[in-house]
């Protein structure tokens, strides 16, 4: 039992630490993330600038804190959109079956037929750059995966005795779906959410790396990683600090997902 819970414990600790840093960055940073200092161009990490400065003299630590917040916000919003819409579609198709399943799942299949990254690029080109547009585009891309997972769980649950009992007692369909069935599949859904969150972090980083996601003013981790590649030889700490933040954010949530899966075994 201890081995199974170790993943969850470490994951919760790392995730809590990252959220704490993000909250600190939202409320306070040592320097303004956009403030340029001509006297501190490309400085190495020191007590004055914990992660050094970039080519414009901006404090990297302050920008990493802000960037982590922007990346987390987009990833959270993406998963929220994908989960809410995907859960609704999956619940309806899994519970009712028949023509409801046929119509909604065909639409779902049509959406998932496009390569995810390509579809996100198309949506961003239509909507334009920005954190909210990126969140919406990625959320739409994530809907099919959640819909399929929830559909299979609801289709399995509708034949269970507790669902049949609720039907015989005259419970309404929304009550059966979201009060009786949904709480019984939350662990499966939560595991999917942790995987989706990590995919959203990577997707946001990739989009911003290509300069088509979050605007540079938001100082997202993906944009900073793109900006740092020119200075890998002269200022490697820029890329290392930014990349480490992405890795820790993904690792913490990933370990939570692994811990939840092991608890189900």
C-alpha atoms as a PDB file:
ATOM      1  CA  UNK A   1       0.000   0.000   0.000  1.00  0.00           C
ATOM      2  CA  UNK A   2       2.861   2.384   0.794  1.00  0.00           C
ATOM      3  CA  UNK A   3       4.367   1.868  -2.649  1.00  0.00           C
ATOM      4  CA  UNK A   4       1.065   2.614  -4.313  1.00  0.00           C
ATOM      5  CA  UNK A   5       0.637   5.833  -2.315  1.00  0.00           C
ATOM      6  CA  UNK A   6       4.202   7.056  -2.850  1.00  0.00           C
ATOM      7  CA  UNK A   7       3.418   8.270  -6.371  1.00  0.00           C
ATOM      8  CA  UNK A   8       0.356  10.127  -5.130  1.00  0.00           C
ATOM      9  CA  UNK A   9       2.183  11.656  -2.158  1.00  0.00           C
ATOM     10  CA  UNK A  10       5.135  12.929  -4.188  1.00  0.00           C
ATOM     11  CA  UNK A  11       2.830  14.116  -6.955  1.00  0.00           C
ATOM     12  CA  UNK A  12       0.640  16.064  -4.553  1.00  0.00           C
ATOM     13  CA  UNK A  13       3.711  17.606  -2.925  1.00  0.00           C
ATOM     14  CA  UNK A  14       5.235  18.715  -6.242  1.00  0.00           C
ATOM     15  CA  UNK A  15       1.929  20.017  -7.562  1.00  0.00           C
ATOM     16  CA  UNK A  16       1.206  21.913  -4.343  1.00  0.00           C
ATOM     17  CA  UNK A  17       4.696  23.426  -4.490  1.00  0.00           C
ATOM     18  CA  UNK A  18       4.201  24.516  -8.101  1.00  0.00           C
ATOM     19  CA  UNK A  19       0.775  26.007  -7.355  1.00  0.00           C
ATOM     20  CA  UNK A  20       2.294  27.878  -4.401  1.00  0.00           C
ATOM     21  CA  UNK A  21       5.011  29.321  -6.668  1.00  0.00           C
ATOM     22  CA  UNK A  22       2.382  30.284  -9.236  1.00  0.00           C
ATOM     23  CA  UNK A  23       0.301  32.048  -6.568  1.00  0.00           C
ATOM     24  CA  UNK A  24       3.402  33.854  -5.308  1.00  0.00           C
ATOM     25  CA  UNK A  25       4.175  34.920  -8.875  1.00  0.00           C
ATOM     26  CA  UNK A  26       0.619  36.177  -9.300  1.00  0.00           C
ATOM     27  CA  UNK A  27       0.775  38.284  -6.140  1.00  0.00           C
ATOM     28  CA  UNK A  28       4.457  39.276  -6.058  1.00  0.00           C
ATOM     29  CA  UNK A  29       7.669  39.016  -8.065  1.00  0.00           C
ATOM     30  CA  UNK A  30      11.122  40.371  -7.138  1.00  0.00           C
ATOM     31  CA  UNK A  31      11.116  42.500 -10.293  1.00  0.00           C
ATOM     32  CA  UNK A  32       8.548  43.393 -12.888  1.00  0.00           C
ATOM     33  CA  UNK A  33       8.584  40.546 -15.467  1.00  0.00           C
ATOM     34  CA  UNK A  34       8.637  43.079 -18.317  1.00  0.00           C
ATOM     35  CA  UNK A  35      11.043  45.606 -16.726  1.00  0.00           C
ATOM     36  CA  UNK A  36      14.232  45.993 -18.774  1.00  0.00           C
ATOM     37  CA  UNK A  37      17.563  46.948 -17.220  1.00  0.00           C
ATOM     38  CA  UNK A  38      20.356  48.021 -19.563  1.00  0.00           C
ATOM     39  CA  UNK A  39      22.896  47.612 -16.748  1.00  0.00           C
ATOM     40  CA  UNK A  40      22.036  43.924 -16.170  1.00  0.00           C
ATOM     41  CA  UNK A  41      22.042  42.337 -19.622  1.00  0.00           C
ATOM     42  CA  UNK A  42      22.586  38.577 -19.670  1.00  0.00           C
ATOM     43  CA  UNK A  43      23.774  38.269 -16.088  1.00  0.00           C
ATOM     44  CA  UNK A  44      24.466  34.885 -14.530  1.00  0.00           C
ATOM     45  CA  UNK A  45      22.382  33.598 -11.588  1.00  0.00           C
ATOM     46  CA  UNK A  46      23.252  35.429  -8.377  1.00  0.00           C
ATOM     47  CA  UNK A  47      21.726  36.540  -5.106  1.00  0.00           C
ATOM     48  CA  UNK A  48      20.412  39.637  -6.871  1.00  0.00           C
ATOM     49  CA  UNK A  49      18.913  37.703  -9.791  1.00  0.00           C
ATOM     50  CA  UNK A  50      18.328  34.095  -8.688  1.00  0.00           C
ATOM     51  CA  UNK A  51      18.016  32.772 -12.258  1.00  0.00           C
ATOM     52  CA  UNK A  52      20.009  35.477 -13.978  1.00  0.00           C
ATOM     53  CA  UNK A  53      18.715  37.937 -16.560  1.00  0.00           C
ATOM     54  CA  UNK A  54      17.888  37.714 -20.263  1.00  0.00           C
ATOM     55  CA  UNK A  55      19.199  39.731 -23.206  1.00  0.00           C
ATOM     56  CA  UNK A  56      17.036  42.721 -22.215  1.00  0.00           C
ATOM     57  CA  UNK A  57      18.072  42.648 -18.573  1.00  0.00           C
ATOM     58  CA  UNK A  58      14.736  41.215 -17.412  1.00  0.00           C
ATOM     59  CA  UNK A  59      14.800  39.057 -14.294  1.00  0.00           C
ATOM     60  CA  UNK A  60      14.324  35.428 -15.396  1.00  0.00           C
ATOM     61  CA  UNK A  61      13.044  34.259 -12.010  1.00  0.00           C
ATOM     62  CA  UNK A  62      10.243  36.838 -12.107  1.00  0.00           C
ATOM     63  CA  UNK A  63       9.402  35.882 -15.693  1.00  0.00           C
ATOM     64  CA  UNK A  64       9.414  32.162 -14.864  1.00  0.00           C
ATOM     65  CA  UNK A  65       6.954  32.716 -12.014  1.00  0.00           C
ATOM     66  CA  UNK A  66       4.662  34.736 -14.281  1.00  0.00           C
ATOM     67  CA  UNK A  67       5.159  32.345 -17.175  1.00  0.00           C
ATOM     68  CA  UNK A  68       4.245  29.332 -15.065  1.00  0.00           C
ATOM     69  CA  UNK A  69       1.042  31.106 -14.089  1.00  0.00           C
ATOM     70  CA  UNK A  70       0.131  31.787 -17.735  1.00  0.00           C
ATOM     71  CA  UNK A  71       0.892  28.188 -18.746  1.00  0.00           C
ATOM     72  CA  UNK A  72      -1.049  26.762 -15.796  1.00  0.00           C
ATOM     73  CA  UNK A  73      -4.018  29.032 -16.533  1.00  0.00           C
ATOM     74  CA  UNK A  74      -4.203  27.943 -20.172  1.00  0.00           C
ATOM     75  CA  UNK A  75      -3.778  24.250 -19.291  1.00  0.00           C
ATOM     76  CA  UNK A  76      -6.421  24.434 -16.573  1.00  0.00           C
ATOM     77  CA  UNK A  77      -8.881  26.215 -18.844  1.00  0.00           C
ATOM     78  CA  UNK A  78      -8.207  23.753 -21.645  1.00  0.00           C
ATOM     79  CA  UNK A  79      -8.902  20.752 -19.427  1.00  0.00           C
ATOM     80  CA  UNK A  80     -11.979  22.444 -17.957  1.00  0.00           C
ATOM     81  CA  UNK A  81     -13.520  22.998 -21.408  1.00  0.00           C
ATOM     82  CA  UNK A  82     -12.589  19.531 -22.647  1.00  0.00           C
ATOM     83  CA  UNK A  83     -13.815  17.828 -19.476  1.00  0.00           C
ATOM     84  CA  UNK A  84     -17.141  19.632 -19.180  1.00  0.00           C
ATOM     85  CA  UNK A  85     -18.176  19.255 -22.820  1.00  0.00           C
ATOM     86  CA  UNK A  86     -16.640  15.796 -23.177  1.00  0.00           C
ATOM     87  CA  UNK A  87     -18.329  14.552 -20.007  1.00  0.00           C
ATOM     88  CA  UNK A  88     -21.716  15.840 -21.146  1.00  0.00           C
ATOM     89  CA  UNK A  89     -21.362  14.230 -24.589  1.00  0.00           C
ATOM     90  CA  UNK A  90     -20.031  10.976 -23.143  1.00  0.00           C
ATOM     91  CA  UNK A  91     -22.748  10.800 -20.485  1.00  0.00           C
ATOM     92  CA  UNK A  92     -25.565  11.269 -22.984  1.00  0.00           C
ATOM     93  CA  UNK A  93     -24.188   8.822 -25.541  1.00  0.00           C
ATOM     94  CA  UNK A  94     -23.218   6.185 -22.976  1.00  0.00           C
ATOM     95  CA  UNK A  95     -26.519   6.298 -21.093  1.00  0.00           C
ATOM     96  CA  UNK A  96     -29.023   6.600 -23.933  1.00  0.00           C
ATOM     97  CA  UNK A  97     -27.218   4.806 -26.777  1.00  0.00           C
ATOM     98  CA  UNK A  98     -29.280   4.503 -29.965  1.00  0.00           C
ATOM     99  CA  UNK A  99     -29.580   7.512 -32.248  1.00  0.00           C
ATOM    100  CA  UNK A 100     -28.208   9.873 -29.590  1.00  0.00           C
ATOM    101  CA  UNK A 101     -25.024   7.809 -29.486  1.00  0.00           C
ATOM    102  CA  UNK A 102     -24.909   7.572 -33.270  1.00  0.00           C
ATOM    103  CA  UNK A 103     -25.277  11.301 -33.919  1.00  0.00           C
ATOM    104  CA  UNK A 104     -23.042  12.663 -31.160  1.00  0.00           C
ATOM    105  CA  UNK A 105     -20.289  10.091 -31.558  1.00  0.00           C
ATOM    106  CA  UNK A 106     -20.176  10.604 -35.322  1.00  0.00           C
ATOM    107  CA  UNK A 107     -19.605  14.297 -34.664  1.00  0.00           C
ATOM    108  CA  UNK A 108     -17.016  13.325 -32.083  1.00  0.00           C
ATOM    109  CA  UNK A 109     -15.287  11.016 -34.571  1.00  0.00           C
ATOM    110  CA  UNK A 110     -15.284  13.772 -37.204  1.00  0.00           C
ATOM    111  CA  UNK A 111     -13.591  16.113 -34.750  1.00  0.00           C
ATOM    112  CA  UNK A 112     -11.005  13.527 -33.704  1.00  0.00           C
ATOM    113  CA  UNK A 113     -10.281  12.577 -37.337  1.00  0.00           C
ATOM    114  CA  UNK A 114      -8.113  15.677 -37.714  1.00  0.00           C
ATOM    115  CA  UNK A 115      -4.588  15.570 -36.243  1.00  0.00           C
ATOM    116  CA  UNK A 116      -4.853  17.349 -32.902  1.00  0.00           C
ATOM    117  CA  UNK A 117      -1.966  19.749 -33.401  1.00  0.00           C
ATOM    118  CA  UNK A 118      -3.070  20.636 -36.923  1.00  0.00           C
ATOM    119  CA  UNK A 119      -6.639  21.277 -35.777  1.00  0.00           C
ATOM    120  CA  UNK A 120      -5.370  23.515 -32.976  1.00  0.00           C
ATOM    121  CA  UNK A 121      -3.238  25.454 -35.471  1.00  0.00           C
ATOM    122  CA  UNK A 122      -6.246  25.976 -37.740  1.00  0.00           C
ATOM    123  CA  UNK A 123      -8.423  27.162 -34.860  1.00  0.00           C
ATOM    124  CA  UNK A 124      -5.719  29.546 -33.616  1.00  0.00           C
ATOM    125  CA  UNK A 125      -5.264  30.968 -37.123  1.00  0.00           C
ATOM    126  CA  UNK A 126      -9.015  31.633 -37.253  1.00  0.00           C
ATOM    127  CA  UNK A 127      -9.431  32.947 -33.704  1.00  0.00           C
ATOM    128  CA  UNK A 128      -6.099  34.741 -33.483  1.00  0.00           C
ATOM    129  CA  UNK A 129      -3.367  34.500 -30.831  1.00  0.00           C
ATOM    130  CA  UNK A 130      -3.935  35.092 -27.133  1.00  0.00           C
ATOM    131  CA  UNK A 131      -4.360  32.990 -24.015  1.00  0.00           C
ATOM    132  CA  UNK A 132      -8.168  32.793 -24.174  1.00  0.00           C
ATOM    133  CA  UNK A 133      -8.237  31.862 -27.856  1.00  0.00           C
ATOM    134  CA  UNK A 134      -5.533  29.265 -27.256  1.00  0.00           C
ATOM    135  CA  UNK A 135      -7.491  27.865 -24.325  1.00  0.00           C
ATOM    136  CA  UNK A 136     -10.651  27.592 -26.432  1.00  0.00           C
ATOM    137  CA  UNK A 137      -8.845  25.997 -29.377  1.00  0.00           C
ATOM    138  CA  UNK A 138      -7.083  23.386 -27.252  1.00  0.00           C
ATOM    139  CA  UNK A 139     -10.266  22.745 -25.253  1.00  0.00           C
ATOM    140  CA  UNK A 140     -12.142  21.888 -28.456  1.00  0.00           C
ATOM    141  CA  UNK A 141      -9.329  19.557 -29.507  1.00  0.00           C
ATOM    142  CA  UNK A 142      -9.474  17.748 -26.151  1.00  0.00           C
ATOM    143  CA  UNK A 143     -13.238  17.099 -26.193  1.00  0.00           C
ATOM    144  CA  UNK A 144     -13.200  13.791 -28.177  1.00  0.00           C
ATOM    145  CA  UNK A 145     -10.812  11.985 -25.825  1.00  0.00           C
ATOM    146  CA  UNK A 146     -12.872  12.794 -22.720  1.00  0.00           C
ATOM    147  CA  UNK A 147     -16.121  11.957 -24.514  1.00  0.00           C
ATOM    148  CA  UNK A 148     -14.895   8.468 -25.420  1.00  0.00           C
ATOM    149  CA  UNK A 149     -13.677   7.701 -21.895  1.00  0.00           C
ATOM    150  CA  UNK A 150     -16.880   8.903 -20.229  1.00  0.00           C
ATOM    151  CA  UNK A 151     -19.065   7.149 -22.823  1.00  0.00           C
ATOM    152  CA  UNK A 152     -17.542   3.757 -22.096  1.00  0.00           C
ATOM    153  CA  UNK A 153     -17.894   4.219 -18.325  1.00  0.00           C
ATOM    154  CA  UNK A 154     -21.524   5.363 -18.530  1.00  0.00           C
ATOM    155  CA  UNK A 155     -22.411   2.539 -20.940  1.00  0.00           C
ATOM    156  CA  UNK A 156     -20.995   0.063 -18.417  1.00  0.00           C
ATOM    157  CA  UNK A 157     -22.716   1.722 -15.465  1.00  0.00           C
ATOM    158  CA  UNK A 158     -26.232   1.879 -16.938  1.00  0.00           C
ATOM    159  CA  UNK A 159     -26.644  -1.881 -16.487  1.00  0.00           C
ATOM    160  CA  UNK A 160     -25.591  -1.786 -12.825  1.00  0.00           C
ATOM    161  CA  UNK A 161     -28.136  -2.475 -10.091  1.00  0.00           C
ATOM    162  CA  UNK A 162     -27.816   0.948  -8.439  1.00  0.00           C
ATOM    163  CA  UNK A 163     -28.760   2.652 -11.726  1.00  0.00           C
ATOM    164  CA  UNK A 164     -31.727   0.332 -12.270  1.00  0.00           C
ATOM    165  CA  UNK A 165     -32.864   0.979  -8.706  1.00  0.00           C
ATOM    166  CA  UNK A 166     -32.697   4.733  -9.283  1.00  0.00           C
ATOM    167  CA  UNK A 167     -34.727   4.326 -12.475  1.00  0.00           C
ATOM    168  CA  UNK A 168     -37.404   2.274 -10.678  1.00  0.00           C
ATOM    169  CA  UNK A 169     -37.625   4.927  -7.949  1.00  0.00           C
ATOM    170  CA  UNK A 170     -38.398   7.533 -10.621  1.00  0.00           C
ATOM    171  CA  UNK A 171     -35.158   9.494 -10.451  1.00  0.00           C
ATOM    172  CA  UNK A 172     -34.755  12.044 -13.246  1.00  0.00           C
ATOM    173  CA  UNK A 173     -32.193  11.486 -15.986  1.00  0.00           C
ATOM    174  CA  UNK A 174     -29.910  14.364 -14.862  1.00  0.00           C
ATOM    175  CA  UNK A 175     -29.958  12.974 -11.312  1.00  0.00           C
ATOM    176  CA  UNK A 176     -29.090   9.477 -12.508  1.00  0.00           C
ATOM    177  CA  UNK A 177     -26.299  10.796 -14.733  1.00  0.00           C
ATOM    178  CA  UNK A 178     -24.633  13.260 -12.395  1.00  0.00           C
ATOM    179  CA  UNK A 179     -25.616  12.153  -8.887  1.00  0.00           C
ATOM    180  CA  UNK A 180     -25.615   8.363  -9.195  1.00  0.00           C
ATOM    181  CA  UNK A 181     -23.240   7.454 -12.048  1.00  0.00           C
ATOM    182  CA  UNK A 182     -20.685  10.277 -12.219  1.00  0.00           C
ATOM    183  CA  UNK A 183     -19.446   9.929  -8.599  1.00  0.00           C
ATOM    184  CA  UNK A 184     -18.792   6.237  -9.264  1.00  0.00           C
ATOM    185  CA  UNK A 185     -16.477   6.914 -12.215  1.00  0.00           C
ATOM    186  CA  UNK A 186     -14.635   9.912 -10.791  1.00  0.00           C
ATOM    187  CA  UNK A 187     -11.330   8.062 -10.343  1.00  0.00           C
ATOM    188  CA  UNK A 188     -11.217   7.065 -14.017  1.00  0.00           C
ATOM    189  CA  UNK A 189     -12.144  10.596 -15.068  1.00  0.00           C
ATOM    190  CA  UNK A 190      -9.623  12.156 -12.691  1.00  0.00           C
ATOM    191  CA  UNK A 191      -6.835  10.003 -14.111  1.00  0.00           C
ATOM    192  CA  UNK A 192      -7.799  11.153 -17.600  1.00  0.00           C
ATOM    193  CA  UNK A 193      -7.815  14.762 -16.407  1.00  0.00           C
ATOM    194  CA  UNK A 194      -4.231  14.510 -15.099  1.00  0.00           C
ATOM    195  CA  UNK A 195      -3.053  13.124 -18.449  1.00  0.00           C
ATOM    196  CA  UNK A 196      -5.012  15.799 -20.285  1.00  0.00           C
ATOM    197  CA  UNK A 197      -3.519  18.536 -18.109  1.00  0.00           C
ATOM    198  CA  UNK A 198       0.023  17.448 -18.957  1.00  0.00           C
ATOM    199  CA  UNK A 199      -0.855  17.286 -22.648  1.00  0.00           C
ATOM    200  CA  UNK A 200      -2.331  20.785 -22.366  1.00  0.00           C
ATOM    201  CA  UNK A 201       0.873  22.109 -20.756  1.00  0.00           C
ATOM    202  CA  UNK A 202       2.948  20.627 -23.564  1.00  0.00           C
ATOM    203  CA  UNK A 203       0.527  21.894 -26.219  1.00  0.00           C
ATOM    204  CA  UNK A 204       0.585  25.423 -24.794  1.00  0.00           C
ATOM    205  CA  UNK A 205       4.373  25.327 -24.634  1.00  0.00           C
ATOM    206  CA  UNK A 206       4.568  24.090 -28.229  1.00  0.00           C
ATOM    207  CA  UNK A 207       2.166  26.747 -29.515  1.00  0.00           C
ATOM    208  CA  UNK A 208       3.907  29.553 -27.652  1.00  0.00           C
ATOM    209  CA  UNK A 209       7.283  28.168 -28.750  1.00  0.00           C
ATOM    210  CA  UNK A 210       6.091  28.709 -32.328  1.00  0.00           C
ATOM    211  CA  UNK A 211       4.914  32.228 -31.364  1.00  0.00           C
ATOM    212  CA  UNK A 212       1.278  31.441 -32.205  1.00  0.00           C
ATOM    213  CA  UNK A 213      -0.050  30.920 -28.710  1.00  0.00           C
ATOM    214  CA  UNK A 214       0.145  33.148 -25.656  1.00  0.00           C
ATOM    215  CA  UNK A 215       1.403  36.642 -26.464  1.00  0.00           C
ATOM    216  CA  UNK A 216       4.968  37.560 -25.403  1.00  0.00           C
ATOM    217  CA  UNK A 217       3.575  40.025 -22.845  1.00  0.00           C
ATOM    218  CA  UNK A 218       2.201  37.066 -20.855  1.00  0.00           C
ATOM    219  CA  UNK A 219       5.708  35.586 -20.511  1.00  0.00           C
ATOM    220  CA  UNK A 220       4.540  32.001 -20.947  1.00  0.00           C
ATOM    221  CA  UNK A 221       7.032  29.175 -20.421  1.00  0.00           C
ATOM    222  CA  UNK A 222       6.761  28.079 -24.050  1.00  0.00           C
ATOM    223  CA  UNK A 223       7.588  31.541 -25.365  1.00  0.00           C
ATOM    224  CA  UNK A 224      10.486  31.865 -22.930  1.00  0.00           C
ATOM    225  CA  UNK A 225      11.836  28.488 -24.039  1.00  0.00           C
ATOM    226  CA  UNK A 226      11.717  29.669 -27.644  1.00  0.00           C
ATOM    227  CA  UNK A 227      13.426  32.931 -26.709  1.00  0.00           C
ATOM    228  CA  UNK A 228      16.181  31.123 -24.801  1.00  0.00           C
ATOM    229  CA  UNK A 229      17.306  28.779 -27.596  1.00  0.00           C
ATOM    230  CA  UNK A 230      19.451  31.489 -29.192  1.00  0.00           C
ATOM    231  CA  UNK A 231      21.472  31.765 -25.994  1.00  0.00           C
ATOM    232  CA  UNK A 232      22.065  28.109 -25.148  1.00  0.00           C
ATOM    233  CA  UNK A 233      25.833  28.548 -25.413  1.00  0.00           C
ATOM    234  CA  UNK A 234      26.158  31.946 -23.738  1.00  0.00           C
ATOM    235  CA  UNK A 235      23.305  31.758 -21.211  1.00  0.00           C
ATOM    236  CA  UNK A 236      22.228  28.114 -20.725  1.00  0.00           C
ATOM    237  CA  UNK A 237      20.594  28.891 -17.378  1.00  0.00           C
ATOM    238  CA  UNK A 238      17.749  30.666 -19.210  1.00  0.00           C
ATOM    239  CA  UNK A 239      16.598  27.495 -20.990  1.00  0.00           C
ATOM    240  CA  UNK A 240      17.409  25.242 -18.022  1.00  0.00           C
ATOM    241  CA  UNK A 241      15.319  27.218 -15.525  1.00  0.00           C
ATOM    242  CA  UNK A 242      12.383  27.531 -17.910  1.00  0.00           C
ATOM    243  CA  UNK A 243      12.542  23.860 -18.931  1.00  0.00           C
ATOM    244  CA  UNK A 244      12.828  22.737 -15.299  1.00  0.00           C
ATOM    245  CA  UNK A 245       9.626  24.585 -14.448  1.00  0.00           C
ATOM    246  CA  UNK A 246       7.769  22.784 -17.246  1.00  0.00           C
ATOM    247  CA  UNK A 247       9.203  19.407 -16.200  1.00  0.00           C
ATOM    248  CA  UNK A 248       8.255  19.846 -12.529  1.00  0.00           C
ATOM    249  CA  UNK A 249       4.741  20.969 -13.416  1.00  0.00           C
ATOM    250  CA  UNK A 250       4.204  17.942 -15.660  1.00  0.00           C
ATOM    251  CA  UNK A 251       5.946  15.532 -13.275  1.00  0.00           C
ATOM    252  CA  UNK A 252       3.817  16.487 -10.286  1.00  0.00           C
ATOM    253  CA  UNK A 253       0.490  16.085 -12.078  1.00  0.00           C
ATOM    254  CA  UNK A 254       1.742  12.951 -13.852  1.00  0.00           C
ATOM    255  CA  UNK A 255       2.634  11.302 -10.550  1.00  0.00           C
ATOM    256  CA  UNK A 256      -0.828  12.117  -9.219  1.00  0.00           C
ATOM    257  CA  UNK A 257      -2.337  10.339 -12.222  1.00  0.00           C
ATOM    258  CA  UNK A 258      -0.049   7.351 -11.740  1.00  0.00           C
ATOM    259  CA  UNK A 259      -0.940   7.201  -8.051  1.00  0.00           C
ATOM    260  CA  UNK A 260      -4.653   7.263  -8.811  1.00  0.00           C
ATOM    261  CA  UNK A 261      -4.292   4.466 -11.359  1.00  0.00           C
ATOM    262  CA  UNK A 262      -2.361   2.316  -8.890  1.00  0.00           C
ATOM    263  CA  UNK A 263      -5.059   2.832  -6.244  1.00  0.00           C
ATOM    264  CA  UNK A 264      -7.577   1.287  -8.619  1.00  0.00           C
ATOM    265  CA  UNK A 265      -5.523  -1.933  -8.990  1.00  0.00           C
END
